[in-house]
PDB file of N, CA and C in Angstrom:
ATOM      1  N   MET A   1      20.861 -21.576  -2.004  1.00  0.00           N
ATOM      2  CA  MET A   1      19.760 -21.302  -1.201  1.00  0.00           C
ATOM      3  C   MET A   1      20.339 -20.022  -0.852  1.00  0.00           C
ATOM      4  N   GLY A   2      20.033 -18.778  -1.050  1.00  0.00           N
ATOM      5  CA  GLY A   2      19.861 -17.407  -0.548  1.00  0.00           C
ATOM      6  C   GLY A   2      19.585 -17.424   0.652  1.00  0.00           C
ATOM      7  N   ARG A   3      20.018 -16.206   1.082  1.00  0.00           N
ATOM      8  CA  ARG A   3      20.372 -16.156   2.748  1.00  0.00           C
ATOM      9  C   ARG A   3      18.687 -15.616   3.280  1.00  0.00           C
ATOM     10  N   TYR A   4      17.597 -14.806   2.680  1.00  0.00           N
ATOM     11  CA  TYR A   4      16.466 -15.311   2.790  1.00  0.00           C
ATOM     12  C   TYR A   4      16.047 -16.728   2.373  1.00  0.00           C
ATOM     13  N   GLY A   5      16.287 -17.183   2.146  1.00  0.00           N
ATOM     14  CA  GLY A   5      15.483 -18.747   1.192  1.00  0.00           C
ATOM     15  C   GLY A   5      15.150 -18.178  -0.265  1.00  0.00           C
ATOM     16  N   ASN A   6      13.591 -19.059  -0.596  1.00  0.00           N
ATOM     17  CA  ASN A   6      13.762 -19.187  -2.168  1.00  0.00           C
ATOM     18  C   ASN A   6      12.749 -17.689  -2.180  1.00  0.00           C
ATOM     19  N   LEU A   7      13.146 -16.488  -2.061  1.00  0.00           N
ATOM     20  CA  LEU A   7      12.056 -15.881  -2.221  1.00  0.00           C
ATOM     21  C   LEU A   7      11.615 -14.959  -3.541  1.00  0.00           C
ATOM     22  N   ASP A   8      10.586 -15.142  -4.056  1.00  0.00           N
ATOM     23  CA  ASP A   8      10.158 -14.387  -5.382  1.00  0.00           C
ATOM     24  C   ASP A   8      10.135 -12.673  -5.621  1.00  0.00           C
ATOM     25  N   TYR A   9      11.447 -11.966  -5.065  1.00  0.00           N
ATOM     26  CA  TYR A   9      11.526 -10.867  -5.802  1.00  0.00           C
ATOM     27  C   TYR A   9      10.793 -10.150  -6.587  1.00  0.00           C
ATOM     28  N   GLN A  10      10.450 -10.423  -8.104  1.00  0.00           N
ATOM     29  CA  GLN A  10       9.867  -9.852  -8.668  1.00  0.00           C
ATOM     30  C   GLN A  10       8.116 -10.291  -8.376  1.00  0.00           C
ATOM     31  N   TRP A  11       7.823 -11.003  -7.271  1.00  0.00           N
ATOM     32  CA  TRP A  11       6.071 -10.986  -7.446  1.00  0.00           C
ATOM     33  C   TRP A  11       5.755 -10.514  -6.347  1.00  0.00           C
ATOM     34  N   LEU A  12       7.020 -10.425  -5.315  1.00  0.00           N
ATOM     35  CA  LEU A  12       6.789  -9.943  -4.094  1.00  0.00           C
ATOM     36  C   LEU A  12       6.875  -7.751  -4.444  1.00  0.00           C
ATOM     37  N   THR A  13       7.185  -7.629  -5.165  1.00  0.00           N
ATOM     38  CA  THR A  13       7.512  -6.356  -5.650  1.00  0.00           C
ATOM     39  C   THR A  13       6.122  -5.988  -6.279  1.00  0.00           C
ATOM     40  N   LYS A  14       5.874  -6.474  -7.393  1.00  0.00           N
ATOM     41  CA  LYS A  14       4.666  -6.292  -7.932  1.00  0.00           C
ATOM     42  C   LYS A  14       3.084  -7.004  -7.427  1.00  0.00           C
ATOM     43  N   ALA A  15       3.278  -7.509  -6.274  1.00  0.00           N
ATOM     44  CA  ALA A  15       2.321  -7.628  -5.344  1.00  0.00           C
ATOM     45  C   ALA A  15       1.928  -6.643  -4.387  1.00  0.00           C
ATOM     46  N   GLY A  16       3.176  -6.025  -3.745  1.00  0.00           N
ATOM     47  CA  GLY A  16       3.191  -5.098  -2.736  1.00  0.00           C
ATOM     48  C   GLY A  16       2.506  -4.060  -2.773  1.00  0.00           C
ATOM     49  N   PHE A  17       3.325  -3.388  -4.199  1.00  0.00           N
ATOM     50  CA  PHE A  17       2.632  -2.558  -4.979  1.00  0.00           C
ATOM     51  C   PHE A  17       1.417  -2.475  -5.544  1.00  0.00           C
ATOM     52  N   VAL A  18       0.679  -3.584  -6.091  1.00  0.00           N
ATOM     53  CA  VAL A  18      -0.766  -3.124  -6.800  1.00  0.00           C
ATOM     54  C   VAL A  18      -1.711  -3.218  -4.973  1.00  0.00           C
ATOM     55  N   LEU A  19      -1.165  -3.997  -3.957  1.00  0.00           N
ATOM     56  CA  LEU A  19      -1.539  -3.897  -2.952  1.00  0.00           C
ATOM     57  C   LEU A  19      -1.892  -3.000  -2.610  1.00  0.00           C
ATOM     58  N   SER A  20      -0.657  -1.770  -2.512  1.00  0.00           N
ATOM     59  CA  SER A  20      -0.599  -0.695  -1.966  1.00  0.00           C
ATOM     60  C   SER A  20      -1.605   0.825  -2.738  1.00  0.00           C
ATOM     61  N   VAL A  21      -1.650   0.392  -4.041  1.00  0.00           N
ATOM     62  CA  VAL A  21      -2.501   1.294  -4.961  1.00  0.00           C
ATOM     63  C   VAL A  21      -3.977   0.587  -4.375  1.00  0.00           C
ATOM     64  N   ALA A  22      -4.230  -0.336  -4.759  1.00  0.00           N
ATOM     65  CA  ALA A  22      -5.359  -1.080  -3.965  1.00  0.00           C
ATOM     66  C   ALA A  22      -6.057  -0.351  -2.595  1.00  0.00           C
ATOM     67  N   MET A  23      -4.945   0.165  -1.383  1.00  0.00           N
ATOM     68  CA  MET A  23      -5.657   0.308  -0.082  1.00  0.00           C
ATOM     69  C   MET A  23      -5.482   2.419  -0.206  1.00  0.00           C
ATOM     70  N   LEU A  24      -4.882   2.733  -1.082  1.00  0.00           N
ATOM     71  CA  LEU A  24      -5.119   4.173  -1.554  1.00  0.00           C
ATOM     72  C   LEU A  24      -5.928   4.388  -2.236  1.00  0.00           C
ATOM     73  N   GLY A  25      -6.328   3.465  -3.297  1.00  0.00           N
ATOM     74  CA  GLY A  25      -7.837   3.547  -3.935  1.00  0.00           C
ATOM     75  C   GLY A  25      -9.139   3.422  -3.348  1.00  0.00           C
ATOM     76  N   ILE A  26      -9.007   2.423  -1.619  1.00  0.00           N
ATOM     77  CA  ILE A  26     -10.107   2.218  -1.568  1.00  0.00           C
ATOM     78  C   ILE A  26     -10.425   3.340  -0.448  1.00  0.00           C
ATOM     79  N   GLY A  27      -8.725   4.282   0.087  1.00  0.00           N
ATOM     80  CA  GLY A  27      -9.451   4.928   1.061  1.00  0.00           C
ATOM     81  C   GLY A  27      -9.817   6.136   0.166  1.00  0.00           C
ATOM     82  N   ALA A  28      -9.060   7.171  -0.888  1.00  0.00           N
ATOM     83  CA  ALA A  28      -9.584   7.510  -0.994  1.00  0.00           C
ATOM     84  C   ALA A  28     -11.025   7.457  -1.992  1.00  0.00           C
ATOM     85  N   GLY A  29     -11.547   6.863  -2.486  1.00  0.00           N
ATOM     86  CA  GLY A  29     -12.766   6.582  -2.737  1.00  0.00           C
ATOM     87  C   GLY A  29     -13.588   6.488  -1.906  1.00  0.00           C
ATOM     88  N   ALA A  30     -13.438   5.860  -0.477  1.00  0.00           N
ATOM     89  CA  ALA A  30     -14.349   6.206   0.075  1.00  0.00           C
ATOM     90  C   ALA A  30     -14.735   7.584   0.765  1.00  0.00           C
ATOM     91  N   GLU A  31     -13.456   7.932   0.832  1.00  0.00           N
ATOM     92  CA  GLU A  31     -13.402   9.541   1.211  1.00  0.00           C
ATOM     93  C   GLU A  31     -14.528  10.499   0.583  1.00  0.00           C
ATOM     94  N   LEU A  32     -13.742  10.309  -1.052  1.00  0.00           N
ATOM     95  CA  LEU A  32     -15.091  11.083  -2.258  1.00  0.00           C
ATOM     96  C   LEU A  32     -16.124  10.510  -2.368  1.00  0.00           C
ATOM     97  N   LEU A  33     -16.053   9.615  -2.252  1.00  0.00           N
ATOM     98  CA  LEU A  33     -17.361   8.968  -2.000  1.00  0.00           C
ATOM     99  C   LEU A  33     -18.761   9.448  -1.078  1.00  0.00           C
ATOM    100  N   ALA A  34     -18.202   9.562   0.256  1.00  0.00           N
ATOM    101  CA  ALA A  34     -18.471  10.036   1.372  1.00  0.00           C
ATOM    102  C   ALA A  34     -19.034  11.343   1.352  1.00  0.00           C
ATOM    103  N   ALA A  35     -18.053  12.280   0.637  1.00  0.00           N
ATOM    104  CA  ALA A  35     -18.117  13.444   0.491  1.00  0.00           C
ATOM    105  C   ALA A  35     -19.116  14.241  -0.588  1.00  0.00           C
ATOM    106  N   THR A  36     -19.256  13.574  -1.683  1.00  0.00           N
ATOM    107  CA  THR A  36     -20.155  13.764  -3.101  1.00  0.00           C
ATOM    108  C   THR A  36     -21.438  13.383  -2.756  1.00  0.00           C
ATOM    109  N   MET A  37     -21.797  12.418  -1.486  1.00  0.00           N
ATOM    110  CA  MET A  37     -22.722  12.094  -1.127  1.00  0.00           C
ATOM    111  C   MET A  37     -23.278  12.651   0.245  1.00  0.00           C
ATOM    112  N   HIS A  38     -22.683  13.893   1.065  1.00  0.00           N
ATOM    113  CA  HIS A  38     -23.004  14.694   2.004  1.00  0.00           C
ATOM    114  C   HIS A  38     -23.029  13.829   3.202  1.00  0.00           C
ATOM    115  N   TRP A  39     -22.463  12.543   3.457  1.00  0.00           N
ATOM    116  CA  TRP A  39     -22.303  11.676   4.628  1.00  0.00           C
ATOM    117  C   TRP A  39     -21.456  12.567   5.652  1.00  0.00           C
ATOM    118  N   SER A  40     -21.850  12.572   6.737  1.00  0.00           N
ATOM    119  CA  SER A  40     -20.609  12.476   7.726  1.00  0.00           C
ATOM    120  C   SER A  40     -20.185  11.192   8.557  1.00  0.00           C
ATOM    121  N   LEU A  41     -18.947  11.063   8.161  1.00  0.00           N
ATOM    122  CA  LEU A  41     -18.402  10.027   8.811  1.00  0.00           C
ATOM    123  C   LEU A  41     -17.683  10.225  10.365  1.00  0.00           C
ATOM    124  N   PRO A  42     -18.261   9.196  10.917  1.00  0.00           N
ATOM    125  CA  PRO A  42     -17.210   9.462  12.062  1.00  0.00           C
ATOM    126  C   PRO A  42     -15.917   9.630  12.855  1.00  0.00           C
ATOM    127  N   ALA A  43     -15.464   9.980  13.494  1.00  0.00           N
ATOM    128  CA  ALA A  43     -13.978  10.020  13.510  1.00  0.00           C
ATOM    129  C   ALA A  43     -13.109   8.759  13.310  1.00  0.00           C
ATOM    130  N   TRP A  44     -13.383   7.908  13.833  1.00  0.00           N
ATOM    131  CA  TRP A  44     -12.925   6.681  13.842  1.00  0.00           C
ATOM    132  C   TRP A  44     -12.716   6.293  12.409  1.00  0.00           C
ATOM    133  N   GLU A  45     -13.833   6.375  11.159  1.00  0.00           N
ATOM    134  CA  GLU A  45     -14.060   5.749  10.269  1.00  0.00           C
ATOM    135  C   GLU A  45     -13.108   7.031   9.042  1.00  0.00           C
ATOM    136  N   ASN A  46     -12.828   7.841   9.397  1.00  0.00           N
ATOM    137  CA  ASN A  46     -12.229   8.870   8.716  1.00  0.00           C
ATOM    138  C   ASN A  46     -10.976   8.936   9.426  1.00  0.00           C
ATOM    139  N   THR A  47     -10.717   8.238  10.655  1.00  0.00           N
ATOM    140  CA  THR A  47      -8.818   8.378  10.779  1.00  0.00           C
ATOM    141  C   THR A  47      -8.532   6.828  10.205  1.00  0.00           C
ATOM    142  N   LEU A  48      -9.261   5.783   9.992  1.00  0.00           N
ATOM    143  CA  LEU A  48      -9.138   4.712   8.923  1.00  0.00           C
ATOM    144  C   LEU A  48      -8.789   4.960   7.861  1.00  0.00           C
ATOM    145  N   LEU A  49     -10.151   6.322   6.784  1.00  0.00           N
ATOM    146  CA  LEU A  49      -9.540   6.129   5.854  1.00  0.00           C
ATOM    147  C   LEU A  49      -8.359   6.603   5.093  1.00  0.00           C
ATOM    148  N   VAL A  50      -7.703   7.974   6.198  1.00  0.00           N
ATOM    149  CA  VAL A  50      -6.710   8.784   6.235  1.00  0.00           C
ATOM    150  C   VAL A  50      -5.385   7.629   6.400  1.00  0.00           C
ATOM    151  N   ASP A  51      -5.407   6.634   7.154  1.00  0.00           N
ATOM    152  CA  ASP A  51      -4.224   5.753   7.346  1.00  0.00           C
ATOM    153  C   ASP A  51      -4.346   4.970   6.146  1.00  0.00           C
ATOM    154  N   LEU A  52      -5.617   4.909   5.477  1.00  0.00           N
ATOM    155  CA  LEU A  52      -5.416   3.435   4.169  1.00  0.00           C
ATOM    156  C   LEU A  52      -4.610   4.644   3.463  1.00  0.00           C
ATOM    157  N   GLU A  53      -4.786   5.027   3.363  1.00  0.00           N
ATOM    158  CA  GLU A  53      -4.128   6.730   1.762  1.00  0.00           C
ATOM    159  C   GLU A  53      -2.592   6.766   2.140  1.00  0.00           C
ATOM    160  N   ILE A  54      -2.538   7.139   3.224  1.00  0.00           N
ATOM    161  CA  ILE A  54      -1.140   7.535   4.215  1.00  0.00           C
ATOM    162  C   ILE A  54      -0.332   6.062   3.339  1.00  0.00           C
ATOM    163  N   LEU A  55      -0.350   4.601   4.099  1.00  0.00           N
ATOM    164  CA  LEU A  55      -0.024   3.419   4.066  1.00  0.00           C
ATOM    165  C   LEU A  55      -0.126   2.726   3.043  1.00  0.00           C
ATOM    166  N   GLY A  56      -1.424   3.467   2.042  1.00  0.00           N
ATOM    167  CA  GLY A  56      -1.423   3.081   0.313  1.00  0.00           C
ATOM    168  C   GLY A  56       0.479   3.815  -0.071  1.00  0.00           C
ATOM    169  N   VAL A  57       0.275   5.058  -0.097  1.00  0.00           N
ATOM    170  CA  VAL A  57       1.599   5.665  -0.834  1.00  0.00           C
ATOM    171  C   VAL A  57       2.583   5.480  -0.205  1.00  0.00           C
ATOM    172  N   LEU A  58       2.680   5.308   1.082  1.00  0.00           N
ATOM    173  CA  LEU A  58       4.273   4.514   1.666  1.00  0.00           C
ATOM    174  C   LEU A  58       4.370   3.503   1.303  1.00  0.00           C
ATOM    175  N   GLY A  59       3.533   2.417   0.985  1.00  0.00           N
ATOM    176  CA  GLY A  59       3.649   1.253   0.617  1.00  0.00           C
ATOM    177  C   GLY A  59       3.732   1.414  -1.000  1.00  0.00           C
ATOM    178  N   MET A  60       3.746   2.172  -2.044  1.00  0.00           N
ATOM    179  CA  MET A  60       3.550   2.644  -3.470  1.00  0.00           C
ATOM    180  C   MET A  60       5.373   2.670  -3.686  1.00  0.00           C
ATOM    181  N   LEU A  61       6.063   3.574  -2.488  1.00  0.00           N
ATOM    182  CA  LEU A  61       6.952   4.203  -2.847  1.00  0.00           C
ATOM    183  C   LEU A  61       8.365   2.992  -2.092  1.00  0.00           C
ATOM    184  N   LEU A  62       7.866   2.268  -0.867  1.00  0.00           N
ATOM    185  CA  LEU A  62       8.913   1.425  -0.734  1.00  0.00           C
ATOM    186  C   LEU A  62       9.049   0.174  -0.464  1.00  0.00           C
ATOM    187  N   CYS A  63       8.016  -0.570  -1.046  1.00  0.00           N
ATOM    188  CA  CYS A  63       8.136  -2.154  -1.771  1.00  0.00           C
ATOM    189  C   CYS A  63       8.807  -2.193  -3.435  1.00  0.00           C
ATOM    190  N   PRO A  64       8.724  -1.503  -4.106  1.00  0.00           N
ATOM    191  CA  PRO A  64      10.074  -1.826  -5.255  1.00  0.00           C
ATOM    192  C   PRO A  64      10.618  -1.088  -5.013  1.00  0.00           C
ATOM    193  N   PHE A  65      11.426  -0.349  -3.680  1.00  0.00           N
ATOM    194  CA  PHE A  65      12.941   0.009  -3.251  1.00  0.00           C
ATOM    195  C   PHE A  65      13.301  -1.543  -2.305  1.00  0.00           C
ATOM    196  N   VAL A  66      12.307  -1.169  -1.746  1.00  0.00           N
ATOM    197  CA  VAL A  66      12.948  -2.620  -0.641  1.00  0.00           C
ATOM    198  C   VAL A  66      13.088  -4.000  -1.120  1.00  0.00           C
ATOM    199  N   PHE A  67      11.350  -4.254  -2.237  1.00  0.00           N
ATOM    200  CA  PHE A  67      12.224  -6.185  -2.629  1.00  0.00           C
ATOM    201  C   PHE A  67      12.657  -5.508  -3.707  1.00  0.00           C
ATOM    202  N   GLY A  68      12.400  -4.541  -4.880  1.00  0.00           N
ATOM    203  CA  GLY A  68      13.208  -4.563  -5.958  1.00  0.00           C
ATOM    204  C   GLY A  68      14.579  -4.429  -6.213  1.00  0.00           C
ATOM    205  N   ILE A  69      15.225  -3.647  -4.891  1.00  0.00           N
ATOM    206  CA  ILE A  69      16.645  -3.284  -5.338  1.00  0.00           C
ATOM    207  C   ILE A  69      17.314  -3.566  -3.459  1.00  0.00           C
ATOM    208  N   VAL A  70      16.934  -3.292  -2.598  1.00  0.00           N
ATOM    209  CA  VAL A  70      17.571  -3.008  -1.259  1.00  0.00           C
ATOM    210  C   VAL A  70      18.183  -5.364  -1.295  1.00  0.00           C
ATOM    211  N   LEU A  71      16.694  -5.970  -1.573  1.00  0.00           N
ATOM    212  CA  LEU A  71      16.889  -7.200  -0.383  1.00  0.00           C
ATOM    213  C   LEU A  71      17.723  -7.903  -1.789  1.00  0.00           C
ATOM    214  N   PRO A  72      17.247  -7.802  -2.945  1.00  0.00           N
ATOM    215  CA  PRO A  72      18.292  -8.834  -4.330  1.00  0.00           C
ATOM    216  C   PRO A  72      19.744  -8.472  -3.750  1.00  0.00           C
ATOM    217  N   LEU A  73      20.277  -7.354  -4.025  1.00  0.00           N
ATOM    218  CA  LEU A  73      22.015  -6.752  -3.839  1.00  0.00           C
ATOM    219  C   LEU A  73      22.294  -7.344  -2.149  1.00  0.00           C
ATOM    220  N   THR A  74      21.331  -7.897  -1.418  1.00  0.00           N
ATOM    221  CA  THR A  74      22.191  -8.179  -0.350  1.00  0.00           C
ATOM    222  C   THR A  74      22.252  -9.852  -0.002  1.00  0.00           C
ATOM    223  N   GLU A  75      21.860 -10.151  -1.236  1.00  0.00           N
ATOM    224  CA  GLU A  75      21.669 -11.664  -1.396  1.00  0.00           C
ATOM    225  C   GLU A  75      23.126 -12.535  -1.831  1.00  0.00           C
TER     226      GLU A  75
END
């Protein structure tokens, strides 16, 4: 048994990346849809969608690095 238990790093890397892509897609898609339909979003919805985009990009950058490189090397 490894230091962190029986973690499946390959699955965690893929799932984290796919979830991050989905977050980016939902945030950007909703903003583009609102702009296309000329809807004005309340400030809290705009903030939520921008935060989804930012977290999606950060997740796409960090998940492969953390779960694919760093954690397997520390076992």
